[in-house]
Amino acid sequence: MKIAVWDTYVRRKDGSVMHFDILVPDNLKNENQIFEFGKIYLNSKPFETYGLTSKECSFCHIEKATQEIIDNIQTSGYSIIEMENCK
């Protein structure tokens, strides 16, 4: 499965910046749906953020998915890779 990687940077209300990737099937082109996946992820966090818009999230590249990512996408429609300040 090929996936689209959306590079995302969101400012937390404590001043730090979260960096994570939203991974979706490469044929998903609806940016609003991708942003909604990001918002669902942010709402699962115990801290507040300033939100997510096209300013914080942009298409980066296409890559081949691992089995874990495929499983997440089949279950939820998306997968997240946490990189910085996500915990």
PDB file of N, CA and C in Angstrom:
ATOM      1  N   MET A   1       0.846  -1.183   0.000  1.00  0.00           N
ATOM      2  CA  MET A   1       0.000   0.000   0.000  1.00  0.00           C
ATOM      3  C   MET A   1       0.889   1.242   0.000  1.00  0.00           C
ATOM      4  N   LYS A   2       0.562   2.191  -0.858  1.00  0.00           N
ATOM      5  CA  LYS A   2       1.261   3.478  -0.845  1.00  0.00           C
ATOM      6  C   LYS A   2       0.462   4.465  -0.006  1.00  0.00           C
ATOM      7  N   ILE A   3       1.191   5.265   0.761  1.00  0.00           N
ATOM      8  CA  ILE A   3       0.548   6.246   1.632  1.00  0.00           C
ATOM      9  C   ILE A   3       1.085   7.639   1.350  1.00  0.00           C
ATOM     10  N   ALA A   4       0.229   8.621   1.604  1.00  0.00           N
ATOM     11  CA  ALA A   4       0.629  10.021   1.549  1.00  0.00           C
ATOM     12  C   ALA A   4       1.000  10.451   2.963  1.00  0.00           C
ATOM     13  N   VAL A   5       2.116  11.132   3.070  1.00  0.00           N
ATOM     14  CA  VAL A   5       2.607  11.625   4.359  1.00  0.00           C
ATOM     15  C   VAL A   5       2.350  13.125   4.413  1.00  0.00           C
ATOM     16  N   TRP A   6       1.622  13.555   5.450  1.00  0.00           N
ATOM     17  CA  TRP A   6       1.313  14.964   5.661  1.00  0.00           C
ATOM     18  C   TRP A   6       2.084  15.441   6.889  1.00  0.00           C
ATOM     19  N   ASP A   7       3.054  16.284   6.643  1.00  0.00           N
ATOM     20  CA  ASP A   7       3.938  16.815   7.678  1.00  0.00           C
ATOM     21  C   ASP A   7       3.185  17.884   8.464  1.00  0.00           C
ATOM     22  N   THR A   8       3.155  17.736   9.794  1.00  0.00           N
ATOM     23  CA  THR A   8       2.290  18.583  10.616  1.00  0.00           C
ATOM     24  C   THR A   8       3.043  19.144  11.821  1.00  0.00           C
ATOM     25  N   TYR A   9       2.901  20.447  12.023  1.00  0.00           N
ATOM     26  CA  TYR A   9       3.479  21.158  13.157  1.00  0.00           C
ATOM     27  C   TYR A   9       2.369  21.953  13.823  1.00  0.00           C
ATOM     28  N   VAL A  10       2.092  21.663  15.097  1.00  0.00           N
ATOM     29  CA  VAL A  10       1.015  22.332  15.813  1.00  0.00           C
ATOM     30  C   VAL A  10       1.573  22.900  17.116  1.00  0.00           C
ATOM     31  N   ARG A  11       1.274  24.170  17.363  1.00  0.00           N
ATOM     32  CA  ARG A  11       1.725  24.815  18.602  1.00  0.00           C
ATOM     33  C   ARG A  11       0.829  24.394  19.760  1.00  0.00           C
ATOM     34  N   ARG A  12       1.487  23.939  20.823  1.00  0.00           N
ATOM     35  CA  ARG A  12       0.784  23.616  22.055  1.00  0.00           C
ATOM     36  C   ARG A  12       0.621  24.886  22.876  1.00  0.00           C
ATOM     37  N   LYS A  13      -0.372  24.924  23.752  1.00  0.00           N
ATOM     38  CA  LYS A  13      -0.600  26.117  24.571  1.00  0.00           C
ATOM     39  C   LYS A  13       0.477  26.310  25.624  1.00  0.00           C
ATOM     40  N   ASP A  14       1.318  25.288  25.868  1.00  0.00           N
ATOM     41  CA  ASP A  14       2.442  25.454  26.793  1.00  0.00           C
ATOM     42  C   ASP A  14       3.656  26.075  26.085  1.00  0.00           C
ATOM     43  N   GLY A  15       3.513  26.375  24.782  1.00  0.00           N
ATOM     44  CA  GLY A  15       4.577  27.035  24.032  1.00  0.00           C
ATOM     45  C   GLY A  15       5.405  26.122  23.152  1.00  0.00           C
ATOM     46  N   SER A  16       5.397  24.827  23.405  1.00  0.00           N
ATOM     47  CA  SER A  16       6.176  23.917  22.561  1.00  0.00           C
ATOM     48  C   SER A  16       5.423  23.629  21.261  1.00  0.00           C
ATOM     49  N   VAL A  17       6.135  23.067  20.304  1.00  0.00           N
ATOM     50  CA  VAL A  17       5.544  22.752  19.008  1.00  0.00           C
ATOM     51  C   VAL A  17       5.567  21.243  18.803  1.00  0.00           C
ATOM     52  N   MET A  18       4.399  20.686  18.538  1.00  0.00           N
ATOM     53  CA  MET A  18       4.292  19.261  18.218  1.00  0.00           C
ATOM     54  C   MET A  18       4.662  19.064  16.761  1.00  0.00           C
ATOM     55  N   HIS A  19       5.368  17.990  16.484  1.00  0.00           N
ATOM     56  CA  HIS A  19       5.672  17.602  15.104  1.00  0.00           C
ATOM     57  C   HIS A  19       5.232  16.156  14.957  1.00  0.00           C
ATOM     58  N   PHE A  20       4.320  15.917  14.021  1.00  0.00           N
ATOM     59  CA  PHE A  20       3.860  14.561  13.744  1.00  0.00           C
ATOM     60  C   PHE A  20       3.458  14.464  12.278  1.00  0.00           C
ATOM     61  N   ASP A  21       3.395  13.238  11.788  1.00  0.00           N
ATOM     62  CA  ASP A  21       2.950  12.991  10.426  1.00  0.00           C
ATOM     63  C   ASP A  21       1.587  12.322  10.457  1.00  0.00           C
ATOM     64  N   ILE A  22       0.701  12.769   9.572  1.00  0.00           N
ATOM     65  CA  ILE A  22      -0.577  12.105   9.345  1.00  0.00           C
ATOM     66  C   ILE A  22      -0.399  11.262   8.090  1.00  0.00           C
ATOM     67  N   LEU A  23      -0.652   9.978   8.198  1.00  0.00           N
ATOM     68  CA  LEU A  23      -0.472   9.050   7.085  1.00  0.00           C
ATOM     69  C   LEU A  23      -1.833   8.569   6.608  1.00  0.00           C
ATOM     70  N   VAL A  24      -2.083   8.701   5.314  1.00  0.00           N
ATOM     71  CA  VAL A  24      -3.364   8.300   4.727  1.00  0.00           C
ATOM     72  C   VAL A  24      -3.100   7.561   3.417  1.00  0.00           C
ATOM     73  N   PRO A  25      -4.085   6.815   2.911  1.00  0.00           N
ATOM     74  CA  PRO A  25      -3.902   6.187   1.604  1.00  0.00           C
ATOM     75  C   PRO A  25      -3.566   7.254   0.555  1.00  0.00           C
ATOM     76  N   ASP A  26      -2.702   6.919  -0.373  1.00  0.00           N
ATOM     77  CA  ASP A  26      -2.249   7.925  -1.346  1.00  0.00           C
ATOM     78  C   ASP A  26      -3.355   8.420  -2.262  1.00  0.00           C
ATOM     79  N   ASN A  27      -4.473   7.702  -2.337  1.00  0.00           N
ATOM     80  CA  ASN A  27      -5.580   8.158  -3.178  1.00  0.00           C
ATOM     81  C   ASN A  27      -6.550   9.087  -2.451  1.00  0.00           C
ATOM     82  N   LEU A  28      -6.334   9.323  -1.148  1.00  0.00           N
ATOM     83  CA  LEU A  28      -7.165  10.254  -0.395  1.00  0.00           C
ATOM     84  C   LEU A  28      -6.664  11.673  -0.664  1.00  0.00           C
ATOM     85  N   LYS A  29      -7.479  12.468  -1.335  1.00  0.00           N
ATOM     86  CA  LYS A  29      -7.072  13.824  -1.740  1.00  0.00           C
ATOM     87  C   LYS A  29      -7.821  14.916  -0.981  1.00  0.00           C
ATOM     88  N   ASN A  30      -8.832  14.537  -0.197  1.00  0.00           N
ATOM     89  CA  ASN A  30      -9.664  15.501   0.510  1.00  0.00           C
ATOM     90  C   ASN A  30      -8.909  16.057   1.722  1.00  0.00           C
ATOM     91  N   GLU A  31      -8.364  17.270   1.571  1.00  0.00           N
ATOM     92  CA  GLU A  31      -7.570  17.871   2.649  1.00  0.00           C
ATOM     93  C   GLU A  31      -8.383  18.054   3.922  1.00  0.00           C
ATOM     94  N   ASN A  32      -9.666  18.406   3.800  1.00  0.00           N
ATOM     95  CA  ASN A  32     -10.487  18.587   4.997  1.00  0.00           C
ATOM     96  C   ASN A  32     -10.584  17.302   5.800  1.00  0.00           C
ATOM     97  N   GLN A  33     -10.687  16.164   5.130  1.00  0.00           N
ATOM     98  CA  GLN A  33     -10.733  14.882   5.828  1.00  0.00           C
ATOM     99  C   GLN A  33      -9.409  14.600   6.530  1.00  0.00           C
ATOM    100  N   ILE A  34      -8.316  14.915   5.860  1.00  0.00           N
ATOM    101  CA  ILE A  34      -6.988  14.708   6.461  1.00  0.00           C
ATOM    102  C   ILE A  34      -6.823  15.589   7.694  1.00  0.00           C
ATOM    103  N   PHE A  35      -7.265  16.849   7.599  1.00  0.00           N
ATOM    104  CA  PHE A  35      -7.193  17.748   8.757  1.00  0.00           C
ATOM    105  C   PHE A  35      -8.075  17.227   9.889  1.00  0.00           C
ATOM    106  N   GLU A  36      -9.224  16.647   9.556  1.00  0.00           N
ATOM    107  CA  GLU A  36     -10.096  16.069  10.587  1.00  0.00           C
ATOM    108  C   GLU A  36      -9.398  14.928  11.313  1.00  0.00           C
ATOM    109  N   PHE A  37      -8.655  14.089  10.576  1.00  0.00           N
ATOM    110  CA  PHE A  37      -7.889  13.026  11.227  1.00  0.00           C
ATOM    111  C   PHE A  37      -6.899  13.632  12.219  1.00  0.00           C
ATOM    112  N   GLY A  38      -6.236  14.705  11.817  1.00  0.00           N
ATOM    113  CA  GLY A  38      -5.301  15.384  12.715  1.00  0.00           C
ATOM    114  C   GLY A  38      -5.990  15.935  13.948  1.00  0.00           C
ATOM    115  N   LYS A  39      -7.178  16.482  13.779  1.00  0.00           N
ATOM    116  CA  LYS A  39      -7.931  17.031  14.910  1.00  0.00           C
ATOM    117  C   LYS A  39      -8.368  15.925  15.862  1.00  0.00           C
ATOM    118  N   ILE A  40      -8.779  14.781  15.317  1.00  0.00           N
ATOM    119  CA  ILE A  40      -9.136  13.635  16.169  1.00  0.00           C
ATOM    120  C   ILE A  40      -7.929  13.234  17.014  1.00  0.00           C
ATOM    121  N   TYR A  41      -6.769  13.155  16.366  1.00  0.00           N
ATOM    122  CA  TYR A  41      -5.543  12.813  17.092  1.00  0.00           C
ATOM    123  C   TYR A  41      -5.253  13.846  18.180  1.00  0.00           C
ATOM    124  N   LEU A  42      -5.331  15.137  17.845  1.00  0.00           N
ATOM    125  CA  LEU A  42      -5.046  16.182  18.832  1.00  0.00           C
ATOM    126  C   LEU A  42      -6.018  16.120  20.004  1.00  0.00           C
ATOM    127  N   ASN A  43      -7.282  15.813  19.735  1.00  0.00           N
ATOM    128  CA  ASN A  43      -8.269  15.718  20.810  1.00  0.00           C
ATOM    129  C   ASN A  43      -8.000  14.554  21.753  1.00  0.00           C
ATOM    130  N   SER A  44      -7.173  13.600  21.330  1.00  0.00           N
ATOM    131  CA  SER A  44      -6.844  12.467  22.197  1.00  0.00           C
ATOM    132  C   SER A  44      -5.734  12.813  23.192  1.00  0.00           C
ATOM    133  N   LYS A  45      -5.141  13.987  23.050  1.00  0.00           N
ATOM    134  CA  LYS A  45      -4.012  14.385  23.891  1.00  0.00           C
ATOM    135  C   LYS A  45      -4.500  15.066  25.172  1.00  0.00           C
ATOM    136  N   PRO A  46      -3.753  14.936  26.271  1.00  0.00           N
ATOM    137  CA  PRO A  46      -4.181  15.525  27.544  1.00  0.00           C
ATOM    138  C   PRO A  46      -3.866  17.018  27.664  1.00  0.00           C
ATOM    139  N   PHE A  47      -3.281  17.619  26.641  1.00  0.00           N
ATOM    140  CA  PHE A  47      -2.927  19.042  26.683  1.00  0.00           C
ATOM    141  C   PHE A  47      -3.642  19.769  25.546  1.00  0.00           C
ATOM    142  N   GLU A  48      -3.691  21.089  25.651  1.00  0.00           N
ATOM    143  CA  GLU A  48      -4.385  21.893  24.647  1.00  0.00           C
ATOM    144  C   GLU A  48      -3.428  22.389  23.578  1.00  0.00           C
ATOM    145  N   THR A  49      -3.976  22.553  22.380  1.00  0.00           N
ATOM    146  CA  THR A  49      -3.207  23.101  21.260  1.00  0.00           C
ATOM    147  C   THR A  49      -3.991  24.261  20.657  1.00  0.00           C
ATOM    148  N   TYR A  50      -3.351  24.956  19.729  1.00  0.00           N
ATOM    149  CA  TYR A  50      -4.014  26.067  19.049  1.00  0.00           C
ATOM    150  C   TYR A  50      -4.737  25.628  17.783  1.00  0.00           C
ATOM    151  N   GLY A  51      -4.857  24.346  17.553  1.00  0.00           N
ATOM    152  CA  GLY A  51      -5.634  23.855  16.428  1.00  0.00           C
ATOM    153  C   GLY A  51      -4.795  23.490  15.224  1.00  0.00           C
ATOM    154  N   LEU A  52      -5.494  23.031  14.206  1.00  0.00           N
ATOM    155  CA  LEU A  52      -4.830  22.529  13.015  1.00  0.00           C
ATOM    156  C   LEU A  52      -5.550  23.060  11.777  1.00  0.00           C
ATOM    157  N   THR A  53      -4.786  23.669  10.886  1.00  0.00           N
ATOM    158  CA  THR A  53      -5.314  24.165   9.616  1.00  0.00           C
ATOM    159  C   THR A  53      -4.301  23.821   8.526  1.00  0.00           C
ATOM    160  N   SER A  54      -4.582  24.272   7.316  1.00  0.00           N
ATOM    161  CA  SER A  54      -3.642  24.027   6.216  1.00  0.00           C
ATOM    162  C   SER A  54      -2.309  24.715   6.458  1.00  0.00           C
ATOM    163  N   LYS A  55      -2.285  25.704   7.334  1.00  0.00           N
ATOM    164  CA  LYS A  55      -1.029  26.392   7.663  1.00  0.00           C
ATOM    165  C   LYS A  55      -0.074  25.473   8.438  1.00  0.00           C
ATOM    166  N   GLU A  56      -0.618  24.566   9.237  1.00  0.00           N
ATOM    167  CA  GLU A  56       0.199  23.667  10.060  1.00  0.00           C
ATOM    168  C   GLU A  56       0.450  22.308   9.425  1.00  0.00           C
ATOM    169  N   CYS A  57      -0.299  21.971   8.405  1.00  0.00           N
ATOM    170  CA  CYS A  57      -0.260  20.614   7.843  1.00  0.00           C
ATOM    171  C   CYS A  57      -0.160  20.684   6.330  1.00  0.00           C
ATOM    172  N   SER A  58       0.853  20.008   5.771  1.00  0.00           N
ATOM    173  CA  SER A  58       0.994  20.037   4.315  1.00  0.00           C
ATOM    174  C   SER A  58       1.503  18.685   3.804  1.00  0.00           C
ATOM    175  N   PHE A  59       1.106  18.385   2.561  1.00  0.00           N
ATOM    176  CA  PHE A  59       1.554  17.161   1.923  1.00  0.00           C
ATOM    177  C   PHE A  59       3.074  17.188   1.811  1.00  0.00           C
ATOM    178  N   CYS A  60       3.703  16.049   2.111  1.00  0.00           N
ATOM    179  CA  CYS A  60       5.159  15.957   2.064  1.00  0.00           C
ATOM    180  C   CYS A  60       5.614  15.009   0.960  1.00  0.00           C
ATOM    181  N   HIS A  61       5.183  13.740   1.008  1.00  0.00           N
ATOM    182  CA  HIS A  61       5.627  12.770   0.017  1.00  0.00           C
ATOM    183  C   HIS A  61       4.776  11.499   0.084  1.00  0.00           C
ATOM    184  N   ILE A  62       5.044  10.594  -0.863  1.00  0.00           N
ATOM    185  CA  ILE A  62       4.403   9.274  -0.918  1.00  0.00           C
ATOM    186  C   ILE A  62       5.460   8.231  -0.549  1.00  0.00           C
ATOM    187  N   GLU A  63       5.054   7.230   0.231  1.00  0.00           N
ATOM    188  CA  GLU A  63       5.973   6.138   0.557  1.00  0.00           C
ATOM    189  C   GLU A  63       5.188   4.842   0.714  1.00  0.00           C
ATOM    190  N   LYS A  64       5.921   3.756   0.826  1.00  0.00           N
ATOM    191  CA  LYS A  64       5.312   2.441   1.035  1.00  0.00           C
ATOM    192  C   LYS A  64       5.044   2.253   2.526  1.00  0.00           C
ATOM    193  N   ALA A  65       3.860   1.766   2.843  1.00  0.00           N
ATOM    194  CA  ALA A  65       3.452   1.605   4.235  1.00  0.00           C
ATOM    195  C   ALA A  65       3.979   0.307   4.833  1.00  0.00           C
ATOM    196  N   THR A  66       4.278   0.359   6.130  1.00  0.00           N
ATOM    197  CA  THR A  66       4.587  -0.857   6.884  1.00  0.00           C
ATOM    198  C   THR A  66       3.271  -1.556   7.225  1.00  0.00           C
ATOM    199  N   GLN A  67       3.349  -2.790   7.679  1.00  0.00           N
ATOM    200  CA  GLN A  67       2.136  -3.525   8.043  1.00  0.00           C
ATOM    201  C   GLN A  67       1.409  -2.837   9.198  1.00  0.00           C
ATOM    202  N   GLU A  68       2.136  -2.300  10.152  1.00  0.00           N
ATOM    203  CA  GLU A  68       1.507  -1.602  11.284  1.00  0.00           C
ATOM    204  C   GLU A  68       0.700  -0.396  10.805  1.00  0.00           C
ATOM    205  N   ILE A  69       1.259   0.362   9.877  1.00  0.00           N
ATOM    206  CA  ILE A  69       0.554   1.523   9.334  1.00  0.00           C
ATOM    207  C   ILE A  69      -0.673   1.066   8.544  1.00  0.00           C
ATOM    208  N   ILE A  70      -0.526   0.030   7.745  1.00  0.00           N
ATOM    209  CA  ILE A  70      -1.667  -0.511   6.998  1.00  0.00           C
ATOM    210  C   ILE A  70      -2.784  -0.916   7.952  1.00  0.00           C
ATOM    211  N   ASP A  71      -2.439  -1.596   9.046  1.00  0.00           N
ATOM    212  CA  ASP A  71      -3.432  -2.011  10.038  1.00  0.00           C
ATOM    213  C   ASP A  71      -4.150  -0.807  10.636  1.00  0.00           C
ATOM    214  N   ASN A  72      -3.392   0.242  10.990  1.00  0.00           N
ATOM    215  CA  ASN A  72      -4.000   1.455  11.549  1.00  0.00           C
ATOM    216  C   ASN A  72      -4.942   2.105  10.547  1.00  0.00           C
ATOM    217  N   ILE A  73      -4.527   2.201   9.293  1.00  0.00           N
ATOM    218  CA  ILE A  73      -5.357   2.823   8.258  1.00  0.00           C
ATOM    219  C   ILE A  73      -6.615   2.003   8.019  1.00  0.00           C
ATOM    220  N   GLN A  74      -6.498   0.687   8.030  1.00  0.00           N
ATOM    221  CA  GLN A  74      -7.680  -0.152   7.829  1.00  0.00           C
ATOM    222  C   GLN A  74      -8.665  -0.020   8.984  1.00  0.00           C
ATOM    223  N   THR A  75      -8.155   0.238  10.180  1.00  0.00           N
ATOM    224  CA  THR A  75      -9.008   0.391  11.356  1.00  0.00           C
ATOM    225  C   THR A  75      -9.604   1.794  11.468  1.00  0.00           C
ATOM    226  N   SER A  76      -8.759   2.828  11.284  1.00  0.00           N
ATOM    227  CA  SER A  76      -9.167   4.204  11.568  1.00  0.00           C
ATOM    228  C   SER A  76      -9.253   5.118  10.349  1.00  0.00           C
ATOM    229  N   GLY A  77      -8.682   4.697   9.245  1.00  0.00           N
ATOM    230  CA  GLY A  77      -8.646   5.550   8.062  1.00  0.00           C
ATOM    231  C   GLY A  77      -7.359   6.340   7.938  1.00  0.00           C
ATOM    232  N   TYR A  78      -6.556   6.324   9.012  1.00  0.00           N
ATOM    233  CA  TYR A  78      -5.304   7.071   9.040  1.00  0.00           C
ATOM    234  C   TYR A  78      -4.368   6.458  10.070  1.00  0.00           C
ATOM    235  N   SER A  79      -3.130   6.958  10.068  1.00  0.00           N
ATOM    236  CA  SER A  79      -2.155   6.573  11.085  1.00  0.00           C
ATOM    237  C   SER A  79      -1.350   7.824  11.421  1.00  0.00           C
ATOM    238  N   ILE A  80      -0.760   7.834  12.587  1.00  0.00           N
ATOM    239  CA  ILE A  80       0.042   8.979  13.041  1.00  0.00           C
ATOM    240  C   ILE A  80       1.431   8.490  13.411  1.00  0.00           C
ATOM    241  N   ILE A  81       2.438   9.232  13.007  1.00  0.00           N
ATOM    242  CA  ILE A  81       3.793   9.018  13.513  1.00  0.00           C
ATOM    243  C   ILE A  81       4.146  10.230  14.350  1.00  0.00           C
ATOM    244  N   GLU A  82       4.352  10.023  15.648  1.00  0.00           N
ATOM    245  CA  GLU A  82       4.725  11.096  16.560  1.00  0.00           C
ATOM    246  C   GLU A  82       6.225  11.332  16.462  1.00  0.00           C
ATOM    247  N   MET A  83       6.632  12.589  16.331  1.00  0.00           N
ATOM    248  CA  MET A  83       8.043  12.897  16.212  1.00  0.00           C
ATOM    249  C   MET A  83       8.573  13.777  17.340  1.00  0.00           C
ATOM    250  N   GLU A  84       7.916  14.881  17.626  1.00  0.00           N
ATOM    251  CA  GLU A  84       8.423  15.781  18.669  1.00  0.00           C
ATOM    252  C   GLU A  84       7.272  16.359  19.496  1.00  0.00           C
ATOM    253  N   ASN A  85       7.472  16.395  20.812  1.00  0.00           N
ATOM    254  CA  ASN A  85       6.545  17.053  21.760  1.00  0.00           C
ATOM    255  C   ASN A  85       5.107  16.571  21.650  1.00  0.00           C
ATOM    256  N   CYS A  86       4.935  15.283  21.414  1.00  0.00           N
ATOM    257  CA  CYS A  86       3.600  14.708  21.257  1.00  0.00           C
ATOM    258  C   CYS A  86       3.095  14.024  22.518  1.00  0.00           C
ATOM    259  N   LYS A  87       3.927  13.947  23.520  1.00  0.00           N
ATOM    260  CA  LYS A  87       3.523  13.261  24.769  1.00  0.00           C
ATOM    261  C   LYS A  87       3.451  14.242  25.898  1.00  0.00           C
TER     262      LYS A  87
END
